[in-house]
Amino acid sequence: MANESIHGDAIRIDYAVEPDLTADDFIDVLERSGLAERRPVGDRPRVEAMLRNAGLIVTARDQGRLVGVARSITDFVYCCYLSDLAVDRALQGRGIGKELMRRTRDAMGEGTMCLLLSAPKAISFYEQAGLKRHEQAFLFTDLE
């Protein structure tokens, strides 16, 4: 996917697939977005592994500065789990998150199911973005 831009409101957002996104940039945008409170940003080796093992990383940059990221785990044919969607708080509400989701979906093969789990504070964003809510999700992290 080539870099493309959206212009408006004195910002220029360049979107790209960045498989080599640095941990520093990722941690920085997680902190500026508010998502850092639910991610292991203090454990750099774990953050580096999160990036290294992602199947797809789509970024949004304003004049080179990372302002948004969509990090997904995927096989590109059956399932894509959007694990992290973060947009700098200063730029939220401008369509960057929705565009990151669209570009993630477009990078998938035909018929690939794209899904995410929402933090409680973000539910209204996803509903306003037009995502369909499903009740069939379960967490099995604490399965005995």
N, C-alpha and C. Protein backbone atom coordinates (compact mmCIF):
# COMPACT_ATOMS: atom_id res chain seq x y z
N MET A 1 0.85 -1.17 0.00
CA MET A 1 0.00 0.00 0.00
C MET A 1 0.90 1.23 0.00
N ALA A 2 0.71 2.09 -0.91
CA ALA A 2 1.52 3.30 -1.03
C ALA A 2 1.02 4.36 -0.05
N ASN A 3 1.89 5.30 0.23
CA ASN A 3 1.49 6.43 1.06
C ASN A 3 0.41 7.21 0.33
N GLU A 4 -0.59 7.62 1.07
CA GLU A 4 -1.64 8.47 0.54
C GLU A 4 -1.93 9.51 1.60
N SER A 5 -2.52 10.60 1.20
CA SER A 5 -2.74 11.70 2.13
C SER A 5 -4.19 12.14 2.14
N ILE A 6 -4.56 12.70 3.28
CA ILE A 6 -5.84 13.39 3.41
C ILE A 6 -5.49 14.78 3.90
N HIS A 7 -6.00 15.80 3.23
CA HIS A 7 -5.68 17.18 3.59
C HIS A 7 -6.89 17.82 4.26
N GLY A 8 -6.64 18.73 5.16
CA GLY A 8 -7.72 19.48 5.78
C GLY A 8 -7.36 19.93 7.16
N ASP A 9 -7.98 21.01 7.61
CA ASP A 9 -7.77 21.54 8.96
C ASP A 9 -6.30 21.70 9.29
N ALA A 10 -5.48 22.17 8.35
CA ALA A 10 -4.06 22.48 8.55
C ALA A 10 -3.21 21.27 8.91
N ILE A 11 -3.70 20.07 8.64
CA ILE A 11 -2.88 18.88 8.85
C ILE A 11 -2.85 18.09 7.55
N ARG A 12 -1.80 17.31 7.39
CA ARG A 12 -1.70 16.43 6.23
C ARG A 12 -1.36 15.06 6.78
N ILE A 13 -2.26 14.12 6.61
CA ILE A 13 -2.07 12.79 7.16
C ILE A 13 -1.62 11.86 6.03
N ASP A 14 -0.46 11.23 6.23
CA ASP A 14 0.06 10.23 5.31
C ASP A 14 -0.16 8.86 5.94
N TYR A 15 -0.81 7.96 5.19
CA TYR A 15 -1.07 6.60 5.66
C TYR A 15 -0.13 5.64 4.95
N ALA A 16 0.33 4.64 5.68
CA ALA A 16 1.25 3.66 5.09
C ALA A 16 1.22 2.37 5.90
N VAL A 17 1.65 1.30 5.27
CA VAL A 17 1.93 0.05 5.98
C VAL A 17 3.38 0.15 6.44
N GLU A 18 3.61 -0.01 7.73
CA GLU A 18 4.96 0.13 8.29
C GLU A 18 5.32 -1.10 9.13
N PRO A 19 5.80 -2.16 8.49
CA PRO A 19 6.14 -3.37 9.26
C PRO A 19 7.31 -3.17 10.21
N ASP A 20 8.12 -2.13 10.00
CA ASP A 20 9.28 -1.88 10.86
C ASP A 20 9.07 -0.70 11.79
N LEU A 21 7.83 -0.44 12.19
CA LEU A 21 7.55 0.64 13.13
C LEU A 21 8.39 0.44 14.39
N THR A 22 9.00 1.52 14.88
CA THR A 22 9.85 1.41 16.06
C THR A 22 9.03 1.39 17.35
N ALA A 23 9.59 0.75 18.36
CA ALA A 23 8.95 0.71 19.67
C ALA A 23 8.80 2.12 20.23
N ASP A 24 9.78 2.98 20.01
CA ASP A 24 9.70 4.35 20.52
C ASP A 24 8.49 5.08 19.94
N ASP A 25 8.31 5.00 18.62
CA ASP A 25 7.17 5.66 17.99
C ASP A 25 5.85 5.06 18.47
N PHE A 26 5.80 3.73 18.58
CA PHE A 26 4.58 3.04 19.00
C PHE A 26 4.21 3.45 20.43
N ILE A 27 5.17 3.39 21.34
CA ILE A 27 4.91 3.76 22.73
C ILE A 27 4.47 5.21 22.82
N ASP A 28 5.11 6.09 22.07
CA ASP A 28 4.76 7.51 22.09
C ASP A 28 3.31 7.74 21.68
N VAL A 29 2.87 7.12 20.59
CA VAL A 29 1.48 7.34 20.16
C VAL A 29 0.51 6.64 21.10
N LEU A 30 0.89 5.52 21.70
CA LEU A 30 0.02 4.89 22.70
C LEU A 30 -0.19 5.84 23.88
N GLU A 31 0.87 6.50 24.32
CA GLU A 31 0.76 7.45 25.43
C GLU A 31 -0.08 8.65 25.05
N ARG A 32 0.12 9.19 23.85
CA ARG A 32 -0.64 10.37 23.43
C ARG A 32 -2.10 10.05 23.13
N SER A 33 -2.42 8.79 22.91
CA SER A 33 -3.79 8.40 22.60
C SER A 33 -4.59 8.02 23.85
N GLY A 34 -3.91 7.68 24.92
CA GLY A 34 -4.59 7.18 26.12
C GLY A 34 -4.60 5.67 26.19
N LEU A 35 -4.20 4.99 25.13
CA LEU A 35 -4.21 3.53 25.11
C LEU A 35 -3.09 2.93 25.97
N ALA A 36 -2.08 3.72 26.31
CA ALA A 36 -0.95 3.22 27.10
C ALA A 36 -1.38 2.68 28.45
N GLU A 37 -2.49 3.19 28.98
CA GLU A 37 -2.94 2.70 30.29
C GLU A 37 -3.35 1.24 30.25
N ARG A 38 -3.60 0.70 29.05
CA ARG A 38 -3.99 -0.71 28.91
C ARG A 38 -2.99 -1.52 28.09
N ARG A 39 -1.79 -1.00 27.94
CA ARG A 39 -0.75 -1.71 27.19
C ARG A 39 0.54 -1.73 28.01
N PRO A 40 1.42 -2.71 27.78
CA PRO A 40 2.63 -2.86 28.60
C PRO A 40 3.77 -1.95 28.17
N VAL A 41 3.51 -0.63 28.13
CA VAL A 41 4.50 0.31 27.60
C VAL A 41 5.78 0.38 28.44
N GLY A 42 5.74 -0.07 29.67
CA GLY A 42 6.92 -0.07 30.50
C GLY A 42 7.80 -1.29 30.32
N ASP A 43 7.36 -2.22 29.50
CA ASP A 43 8.09 -3.46 29.23
C ASP A 43 8.53 -3.45 27.77
N ARG A 44 9.63 -2.76 27.50
CA ARG A 44 10.09 -2.55 26.13
C ARG A 44 10.27 -3.85 25.33
N PRO A 45 10.90 -4.91 25.89
CA PRO A 45 11.03 -6.14 25.11
C PRO A 45 9.67 -6.71 24.68
N ARG A 46 8.67 -6.57 25.54
CA ARG A 46 7.34 -7.07 25.18
C ARG A 46 6.72 -6.22 24.07
N VAL A 47 6.89 -4.90 24.14
CA VAL A 47 6.39 -4.01 23.09
C VAL A 47 7.08 -4.33 21.77
N GLU A 48 8.40 -4.54 21.81
CA GLU A 48 9.13 -4.89 20.58
C GLU A 48 8.61 -6.20 20.00
N ALA A 49 8.31 -7.17 20.86
CA ALA A 49 7.75 -8.45 20.38
C ALA A 49 6.36 -8.26 19.80
N MET A 50 5.56 -7.38 20.41
CA MET A 50 4.23 -7.08 19.88
C MET A 50 4.33 -6.57 18.44
N LEU A 51 5.28 -5.69 18.21
CA LEU A 51 5.45 -5.14 16.86
C LEU A 51 6.01 -6.17 15.90
N ARG A 52 7.01 -6.90 16.34
CA ARG A 52 7.67 -7.90 15.49
C ARG A 52 6.68 -9.00 15.06
N ASN A 53 5.76 -9.37 15.95
CA ASN A 53 4.84 -10.47 15.67
C ASN A 53 3.52 -10.03 15.07
N ALA A 54 3.33 -8.75 14.84
CA ALA A 54 2.11 -8.28 14.20
C ALA A 54 2.12 -8.69 12.73
N GLY A 55 0.96 -9.00 12.21
CA GLY A 55 0.85 -9.34 10.80
C GLY A 55 0.73 -8.11 9.92
N LEU A 56 0.19 -7.03 10.48
CA LEU A 56 -0.03 -5.81 9.70
C LEU A 56 0.00 -4.61 10.64
N ILE A 57 0.77 -3.61 10.26
CA ILE A 57 0.80 -2.34 10.99
C ILE A 57 0.54 -1.22 9.99
N VAL A 58 -0.57 -0.50 10.18
CA VAL A 58 -0.92 0.63 9.33
C VAL A 58 -0.75 1.89 10.17
N THR A 59 -0.07 2.87 9.62
CA THR A 59 0.21 4.09 10.38
C THR A 59 -0.40 5.32 9.73
N ALA A 60 -0.55 6.35 10.56
CA ALA A 60 -0.97 7.67 10.11
C ALA A 60 0.07 8.65 10.66
N ARG A 61 0.64 9.45 9.77
CA ARG A 61 1.66 10.42 10.17
C ARG A 61 1.27 11.82 9.69
N ASP A 62 1.55 12.79 10.54
CA ASP A 62 1.37 14.19 10.21
C ASP A 62 2.75 14.81 10.14
N GLN A 63 3.20 15.15 8.93
CA GLN A 63 4.54 15.71 8.70
C GLN A 63 5.62 14.82 9.34
N GLY A 64 5.46 13.52 9.19
CA GLY A 64 6.44 12.57 9.68
C GLY A 64 6.22 12.07 11.09
N ARG A 65 5.45 12.78 11.88
CA ARG A 65 5.20 12.38 13.27
C ARG A 65 4.05 11.39 13.32
N LEU A 66 4.27 10.26 13.98
CA LEU A 66 3.23 9.24 14.11
C LEU A 66 2.09 9.79 14.95
N VAL A 67 0.89 9.80 14.37
CA VAL A 67 -0.29 10.29 15.09
C VAL A 67 -1.37 9.22 15.21
N GLY A 68 -1.17 8.09 14.54
CA GLY A 68 -2.14 7.01 14.64
C GLY A 68 -1.54 5.70 14.18
N VAL A 69 -2.06 4.60 14.74
CA VAL A 69 -1.57 3.28 14.37
C VAL A 69 -2.69 2.26 14.53
N ALA A 70 -2.72 1.30 13.61
CA ALA A 70 -3.59 0.14 13.70
C ALA A 70 -2.68 -1.09 13.60
N ARG A 71 -2.58 -1.85 14.70
CA ARG A 71 -1.71 -3.04 14.74
C ARG A 71 -2.59 -4.27 14.79
N SER A 72 -2.41 -5.16 13.80
CA SER A 72 -3.29 -6.32 13.66
C SER A 72 -2.51 -7.63 13.63
N ILE A 73 -3.19 -8.67 14.10
CA ILE A 73 -2.72 -10.04 13.99
C ILE A 73 -3.62 -10.68 12.93
N THR A 74 -3.02 -11.27 11.90
CA THR A 74 -3.84 -11.76 10.79
C THR A 74 -3.16 -12.86 10.00
N ASP A 75 -3.98 -13.66 9.29
CA ASP A 75 -3.47 -14.62 8.31
C ASP A 75 -3.79 -14.13 6.89
N PHE A 76 -4.44 -12.99 6.75
CA PHE A 76 -4.78 -12.33 5.49
C PHE A 76 -5.81 -13.06 4.63
N VAL A 77 -6.37 -14.16 5.10
CA VAL A 77 -7.36 -14.88 4.29
C VAL A 77 -8.62 -15.25 5.05
N TYR A 78 -8.51 -15.43 6.36
CA TYR A 78 -9.67 -15.86 7.12
C TYR A 78 -10.02 -14.87 8.23
N CYS A 79 -9.02 -14.41 8.95
CA CYS A 79 -9.29 -13.59 10.13
C CYS A 79 -8.23 -12.51 10.33
N CYS A 80 -8.69 -11.34 10.72
CA CYS A 80 -7.81 -10.23 11.09
C CYS A 80 -8.32 -9.67 12.41
N TYR A 81 -7.47 -9.73 13.44
CA TYR A 81 -7.81 -9.17 14.74
C TYR A 81 -7.06 -7.86 14.91
N LEU A 82 -7.79 -6.77 14.93
CA LEU A 82 -7.21 -5.44 15.14
C LEU A 82 -6.99 -5.28 16.64
N SER A 83 -5.76 -5.47 17.06
CA SER A 83 -5.42 -5.49 18.48
C SER A 83 -5.26 -4.10 19.07
N ASP A 84 -4.66 -3.19 18.32
CA ASP A 84 -4.41 -1.84 18.82
C ASP A 84 -4.83 -0.82 17.78
N LEU A 85 -5.71 0.08 18.17
CA LEU A 85 -6.08 1.23 17.35
C LEU A 85 -5.89 2.46 18.22
N ALA A 86 -4.90 3.27 17.87
CA ALA A 86 -4.57 4.43 18.69
C ALA A 86 -4.43 5.66 17.81
N VAL A 87 -5.04 6.76 18.25
CA VAL A 87 -4.91 8.04 17.57
C VAL A 87 -4.62 9.10 18.64
N ASP A 88 -3.64 9.92 18.37
CA ASP A 88 -3.28 11.03 19.25
C ASP A 88 -4.55 11.79 19.65
N ARG A 89 -4.73 12.00 20.95
CA ARG A 89 -5.93 12.70 21.44
C ARG A 89 -6.14 14.05 20.74
N ALA A 90 -5.06 14.75 20.43
CA ALA A 90 -5.17 16.07 19.80
C ALA A 90 -5.78 16.00 18.41
N LEU A 91 -5.77 14.82 17.80
CA LEU A 91 -6.30 14.67 16.44
C LEU A 91 -7.51 13.74 16.36
N GLN A 92 -8.02 13.31 17.50
CA GLN A 92 -9.19 12.45 17.48
C GLN A 92 -10.40 13.22 16.99
N GLY A 93 -11.32 12.52 16.34
CA GLY A 93 -12.51 13.14 15.80
C GLY A 93 -12.36 13.65 14.39
N ARG A 94 -11.23 13.37 13.76
CA ARG A 94 -10.99 13.83 12.38
C ARG A 94 -11.03 12.69 11.36
N GLY A 95 -11.45 11.50 11.78
CA GLY A 95 -11.59 10.39 10.85
C GLY A 95 -10.34 9.54 10.70
N ILE A 96 -9.30 9.81 11.48
CA ILE A 96 -8.05 9.05 11.34
C ILE A 96 -8.24 7.60 11.77
N GLY A 97 -8.91 7.37 12.90
CA GLY A 97 -9.15 6.01 13.36
C GLY A 97 -9.96 5.20 12.37
N LYS A 98 -11.01 5.81 11.85
CA LYS A 98 -11.85 5.12 10.86
C LYS A 98 -11.05 4.81 9.60
N GLU A 99 -10.21 5.73 9.17
CA GLU A 99 -9.39 5.51 7.98
C GLU A 99 -8.36 4.40 8.22
N LEU A 100 -7.78 4.35 9.42
CA LEU A 100 -6.86 3.26 9.75
C LEU A 100 -7.57 1.91 9.70
N MET A 101 -8.81 1.85 10.20
CA MET A 101 -9.58 0.61 10.11
C MET A 101 -9.89 0.25 8.66
N ARG A 102 -10.27 1.25 7.86
CA ARG A 102 -10.60 0.99 6.46
C ARG A 102 -9.39 0.44 5.72
N ARG A 103 -8.23 1.04 5.95
CA ARG A 103 -7.02 0.59 5.27
C ARG A 103 -6.58 -0.79 5.75
N THR A 104 -6.82 -1.08 7.01
CA THR A 104 -6.55 -2.43 7.52
C THR A 104 -7.45 -3.43 6.81
N ARG A 105 -8.73 -3.13 6.75
CA ARG A 105 -9.67 -4.01 6.06
C ARG A 105 -9.30 -4.19 4.60
N ASP A 106 -8.92 -3.12 3.94
CA ASP A 106 -8.59 -3.19 2.52
C ASP A 106 -7.32 -4.01 2.25
N ALA A 107 -6.45 -4.13 3.24
CA ALA A 107 -5.23 -4.92 3.08
C ALA A 107 -5.49 -6.42 3.20
N MET A 108 -6.68 -6.78 3.64
CA MET A 108 -7.04 -8.19 3.82
C MET A 108 -7.52 -8.81 2.52
N GLY A 109 -7.46 -10.12 2.44
CA GLY A 109 -7.99 -10.83 1.29
C GLY A 109 -9.51 -10.80 1.29
N GLU A 110 -10.08 -11.06 0.14
CA GLU A 110 -11.53 -11.09 -0.03
C GLU A 110 -12.16 -12.04 0.98
N GLY A 111 -13.18 -11.58 1.69
CA GLY A 111 -13.92 -12.43 2.61
C GLY A 111 -13.27 -12.60 3.98
N THR A 112 -12.18 -11.90 4.25
CA THR A 112 -11.52 -12.01 5.54
C THR A 112 -12.36 -11.31 6.60
N MET A 113 -12.61 -12.00 7.72
CA MET A 113 -13.35 -11.42 8.82
C MET A 113 -12.42 -10.50 9.61
N CYS A 114 -12.84 -9.24 9.80
CA CYS A 114 -12.06 -8.28 10.56
C CYS A 114 -12.80 -7.99 11.86
N LEU A 115 -12.10 -8.14 12.99
CA LEU A 115 -12.75 -7.94 14.27
C LEU A 115 -11.83 -7.23 15.25
N LEU A 116 -12.44 -6.67 16.28
CA LEU A 116 -11.69 -6.03 17.36
C LEU A 116 -12.50 -6.13 18.63
N LEU A 117 -11.83 -5.97 19.75
CA LEU A 117 -12.48 -5.86 21.05
C LEU A 117 -12.33 -4.41 21.49
N SER A 118 -13.39 -3.84 22.04
CA SER A 118 -13.36 -2.43 22.43
C SER A 118 -13.20 -2.27 23.93
N ALA A 119 -12.39 -1.30 24.30
CA ALA A 119 -12.36 -0.84 25.69
C ALA A 119 -13.69 -0.13 25.94
N PRO A 120 -14.20 -0.16 27.17
CA PRO A 120 -15.50 0.47 27.43
C PRO A 120 -15.58 1.93 26.98
N LYS A 121 -14.51 2.71 27.15
CA LYS A 121 -14.53 4.12 26.78
C LYS A 121 -14.62 4.34 25.27
N ALA A 122 -14.27 3.32 24.47
CA ALA A 122 -14.23 3.49 23.02
C ALA A 122 -15.47 2.95 22.30
N ILE A 123 -16.38 2.35 23.02
CA ILE A 123 -17.55 1.74 22.37
C ILE A 123 -18.31 2.74 21.51
N SER A 124 -18.54 3.94 22.02
CA SER A 124 -19.31 4.92 21.24
C SER A 124 -18.59 5.30 19.96
N PHE A 125 -17.24 5.34 19.98
CA PHE A 125 -16.49 5.64 18.74
C PHE A 125 -16.78 4.59 17.68
N TYR A 126 -16.70 3.31 18.05
CA TYR A 126 -16.92 2.25 17.08
C TYR A 126 -18.36 2.23 16.58
N GLU A 127 -19.32 2.51 17.45
CA GLU A 127 -20.72 2.57 17.02
C GLU A 127 -20.92 3.74 16.05
N GLN A 128 -20.33 4.90 16.35
CA GLN A 128 -20.45 6.05 15.46
C GLN A 128 -19.74 5.83 14.13
N ALA A 129 -18.70 4.98 14.14
CA ALA A 129 -17.98 4.67 12.91
C ALA A 129 -18.75 3.68 12.04
N GLY A 130 -19.87 3.17 12.55
CA GLY A 130 -20.71 2.27 11.77
C GLY A 130 -20.39 0.79 11.92
N LEU A 131 -19.59 0.43 12.92
CA LEU A 131 -19.27 -0.99 13.13
C LEU A 131 -20.46 -1.70 13.77
N LYS A 132 -20.66 -2.95 13.36
CA LYS A 132 -21.72 -3.77 13.91
C LYS A 132 -21.21 -4.45 15.18
N ARG A 133 -22.00 -4.38 16.22
CA ARG A 133 -21.63 -4.97 17.51
C ARG A 133 -22.08 -6.43 17.55
N HIS A 134 -21.20 -7.29 18.09
CA HIS A 134 -21.51 -8.71 18.21
C HIS A 134 -21.45 -9.13 19.67
N GLU A 135 -22.34 -10.00 20.06
CA GLU A 135 -22.39 -10.47 21.44
C GLU A 135 -21.66 -11.78 21.64
N GLN A 136 -21.08 -12.36 20.60
CA GLN A 136 -20.50 -13.69 20.69
C GLN A 136 -19.03 -13.71 21.08
N ALA A 137 -18.47 -12.62 21.55
CA ALA A 137 -17.06 -12.60 21.92
C ALA A 137 -16.88 -13.11 23.35
N PHE A 138 -15.82 -13.87 23.56
CA PHE A 138 -15.49 -14.39 24.88
C PHE A 138 -13.99 -14.24 25.11
N LEU A 139 -13.62 -13.98 26.34
CA LEU A 139 -12.22 -13.96 26.72
C LEU A 139 -11.90 -15.29 27.39
N PHE A 140 -10.80 -15.91 26.98
CA PHE A 140 -10.41 -17.16 27.62
C PHE A 140 -9.02 -17.09 28.23
N THR A 141 -8.59 -15.88 28.56
CA THR A 141 -7.28 -15.66 29.16
C THR A 141 -7.15 -16.39 30.50
N ASP A 142 -8.20 -16.40 31.31
CA ASP A 142 -8.15 -17.00 32.63
C ASP A 142 -8.76 -18.39 32.69
N LEU A 143 -8.83 -19.08 31.58
CA LEU A 143 -9.40 -20.43 31.52
C LEU A 143 -8.56 -21.38 32.37
N GLU A 144 -9.23 -22.13 33.24
CA GLU A 144 -8.51 -23.09 34.11
C GLU A 144 -8.47 -24.46 33.50
